[in-house]
Amino acid sequence: MSAKSLELKHTIKLIRKITFETDEIEQEIKAIVDSLQSPILSIPGISYCMRTMILAKISDFNHFDSPDKILAYPGLSPSTYQSGQLESSHS
């Protein structure tokens, strides 16, 4: 039992250390993202982690001519398909 108890104590200590380090990294990410003052920060419901991934992927919004092109880059822009007289739009 003493071996299991010792192992459990070390596992808990390791979890606490990793949790502390993760929190520290997340605070740094928040500070960096806030300092960028990107328009993506105005989108409600997107976490700092998601904002960071979007900013890392897109880099600079000025590289795109329109918001539609920004949406099309990751494949989020709805497409319009047209055949003869029928007009249909779907994503």
C-alpha atoms as a PDB file:
ATOM      1  CA  MET A   1       0.000   0.000   0.000  1.00  0.00           C
ATOM      2  CA  SER A   2       2.844   2.412   0.728  1.00  0.00           C
ATOM      3  CA  ALA A   3       4.153   2.068  -2.837  1.00  0.00           C
ATOM      4  CA  LYS A   4       0.723   2.869  -4.284  1.00  0.00           C
ATOM      5  CA  SER A   5       0.347   5.793  -1.900  1.00  0.00           C
ATOM      6  CA  LEU A   6       3.736   7.167  -2.933  1.00  0.00           C
ATOM      7  CA  GLU A   7       2.878   6.747  -6.610  1.00  0.00           C
ATOM      8  CA  LEU A   8      -0.445   8.512  -6.108  1.00  0.00           C
ATOM      9  CA  LYS A   9       1.231  11.438  -4.295  1.00  0.00           C
ATOM     10  CA  HIS A  10       3.737  11.869  -7.128  1.00  0.00           C
ATOM     11  CA  THR A  11       0.993  11.644  -9.760  1.00  0.00           C
ATOM     12  CA  ILE A  12      -1.045  14.330  -7.988  1.00  0.00           C
ATOM     13  CA  LYS A  13       2.054  16.515  -7.677  1.00  0.00           C
ATOM     14  CA  LEU A  14       2.759  16.100 -11.402  1.00  0.00           C
ATOM     15  CA  ILE A  15      -0.846  16.950 -12.321  1.00  0.00           C
ATOM     16  CA  ARG A  16      -0.697  20.116 -10.205  1.00  0.00           C
ATOM     17  CA  LYS A  17       2.595  21.148 -11.830  1.00  0.00           C
ATOM     18  CA  ILE A  18       1.258  20.590 -15.356  1.00  0.00           C
ATOM     19  CA  THR A  19      -1.960  22.447 -14.513  1.00  0.00           C
ATOM     20  CA  PHE A  20       0.056  25.410 -13.203  1.00  0.00           C
ATOM     21  CA  GLU A  21       2.236  25.459 -16.327  1.00  0.00           C
ATOM     22  CA  THR A  22      -0.810  25.201 -18.600  1.00  0.00           C
ATOM     23  CA  ASP A  23      -2.477  28.129 -16.825  1.00  0.00           C
ATOM     24  CA  GLU A  24       0.726  30.140 -17.185  1.00  0.00           C
ATOM     25  CA  ILE A  25       0.886  29.429 -20.929  1.00  0.00           C
ATOM     26  CA  GLU A  26      -2.795  30.339 -21.386  1.00  0.00           C
ATOM     27  CA  GLN A  27      -2.198  33.685 -19.641  1.00  0.00           C
ATOM     28  CA  GLU A  28       0.688  34.404 -22.008  1.00  0.00           C
ATOM     29  CA  ILE A  29      -1.475  33.507 -25.012  1.00  0.00           C
ATOM     30  CA  LYS A  30      -4.213  35.864 -23.776  1.00  0.00           C
ATOM     31  CA  ALA A  31      -1.696  38.677 -23.353  1.00  0.00           C
ATOM     32  CA  ILE A  32      -0.282  38.169 -26.859  1.00  0.00           C
ATOM     33  CA  VAL A  33      -3.708  37.948 -28.518  1.00  0.00           C
ATOM     34  CA  ASP A  34      -4.916  41.050 -26.630  1.00  0.00           C
ATOM     35  CA  SER A  35      -1.826  43.002 -27.711  1.00  0.00           C
ATOM     36  CA  LEU A  36      -2.546  42.254 -31.396  1.00  0.00           C
ATOM     37  CA  GLN A  37      -5.861  44.148 -31.206  1.00  0.00           C
ATOM     38  CA  SER A  38      -7.245  42.008 -34.003  1.00  0.00           C
ATOM     39  CA  PRO A  39     -10.874  42.363 -35.161  1.00  0.00           C
ATOM     40  CA  ILE A  40     -11.323  38.661 -34.468  1.00  0.00           C
ATOM     41  CA  LEU A  41     -11.528  39.516 -30.770  1.00  0.00           C
ATOM     42  CA  SER A  42     -14.935  41.091 -31.392  1.00  0.00           C
ATOM     43  CA  ILE A  43     -16.504  37.764 -32.401  1.00  0.00           C
ATOM     44  CA  PRO A  44     -18.531  36.430 -29.468  1.00  0.00           C
ATOM     45  CA  GLY A  45     -18.283  32.799 -28.486  1.00  0.00           C
ATOM     46  CA  ILE A  46     -14.767  32.175 -29.738  1.00  0.00           C
ATOM     47  CA  SER A  47     -12.257  31.252 -27.040  1.00  0.00           C
ATOM     48  CA  TYR A  48      -8.727  32.590 -26.861  1.00  0.00           C
ATOM     49  CA  CYS A  49      -7.433  29.231 -28.040  1.00  0.00           C
ATOM     50  CA  MET A  50      -9.645  29.327 -31.157  1.00  0.00           C
ATOM     51  CA  ARG A  51      -8.766  32.987 -31.801  1.00  0.00           C
ATOM     52  CA  THR A  52      -5.094  32.101 -31.590  1.00  0.00           C
ATOM     53  CA  MET A  53      -5.479  29.264 -34.081  1.00  0.00           C
ATOM     54  CA  ILE A  54      -7.404  31.483 -36.510  1.00  0.00           C
ATOM     55  CA  LEU A  55      -4.830  34.268 -36.250  1.00  0.00           C
ATOM     56  CA  ALA A  56      -1.993  31.782 -36.719  1.00  0.00           C
ATOM     57  CA  LYS A  57      -3.656  30.367 -39.839  1.00  0.00           C
ATOM     58  CA  ILE A  58      -4.720  33.644 -41.454  1.00  0.00           C
ATOM     59  CA  SER A  59      -1.857  35.766 -40.093  1.00  0.00           C
ATOM     60  CA  ASP A  60      -2.866  39.160 -41.485  1.00  0.00           C
ATOM     61  CA  PHE A  61      -6.403  40.021 -42.560  1.00  0.00           C
ATOM     62  CA  ASN A  62      -5.002  42.692 -44.892  1.00  0.00           C
ATOM     63  CA  HIS A  63      -3.887  39.920 -47.271  1.00  0.00           C
ATOM     64  CA  PHE A  64      -7.537  39.423 -48.232  1.00  0.00           C
ATOM     65  CA  ASP A  65      -9.584  41.799 -50.405  1.00  0.00           C
ATOM     66  CA  SER A  66     -12.941  41.050 -48.791  1.00  0.00           C
ATOM     67  CA  PRO A  67     -14.511  39.242 -45.832  1.00  0.00           C
ATOM     68  CA  ASP A  68     -15.842  36.634 -48.273  1.00  0.00           C
ATOM     69  CA  LYS A  69     -12.288  35.734 -49.272  1.00  0.00           C
ATOM     70  CA  ILE A  70     -11.365  35.318 -45.605  1.00  0.00           C
ATOM     71  CA  LEU A  71     -14.268  32.881 -45.196  1.00  0.00           C
ATOM     72  CA  ALA A  72     -13.381  31.070 -48.404  1.00  0.00           C
ATOM     73  CA  TYR A  73      -9.770  30.490 -47.276  1.00  0.00           C
ATOM     74  CA  PRO A  74     -10.699  27.840 -44.662  1.00  0.00           C
ATOM     75  CA  GLY A  75     -13.692  26.696 -46.757  1.00  0.00           C
ATOM     76  CA  LEU A  76     -16.424  28.412 -44.719  1.00  0.00           C
ATOM     77  CA  SER A  77     -17.923  30.567 -47.465  1.00  0.00           C
ATOM     78  CA  PRO A  78     -21.274  29.375 -48.844  1.00  0.00           C
ATOM     79  CA  SER A  79     -21.178  28.362 -52.495  1.00  0.00           C
ATOM     80  CA  THR A  80     -23.746  29.186 -55.156  1.00  0.00           C
ATOM     81  CA  TYR A  81     -24.527  26.622 -57.818  1.00  0.00           C
ATOM     82  CA  GLN A  82     -26.668  27.500 -60.814  1.00  0.00           C
ATOM     83  CA  SER A  83     -28.099  25.336 -63.565  1.00  0.00           C
ATOM     84  CA  GLY A  84     -30.418  26.781 -66.219  1.00  0.00           C
ATOM     85  CA  GLN A  85     -33.360  28.616 -64.650  1.00  0.00           C
ATOM     86  CA  LEU A  86     -32.953  27.020 -61.230  1.00  0.00           C
ATOM     87  CA  GLU A  87     -30.922  29.004 -58.726  1.00  0.00           C
ATOM     88  CA  SER A  88     -29.820  27.225 -55.610  1.00  0.00           C
ATOM     89  CA  SER A  89     -27.482  28.285 -52.824  1.00  0.00           C
ATOM     90  CA  HIS A  90     -26.016  25.996 -50.193  1.00  0.00           C
ATOM     91  CA  SER A  91     -22.859  25.641 -48.177  1.00  0.00           C
END
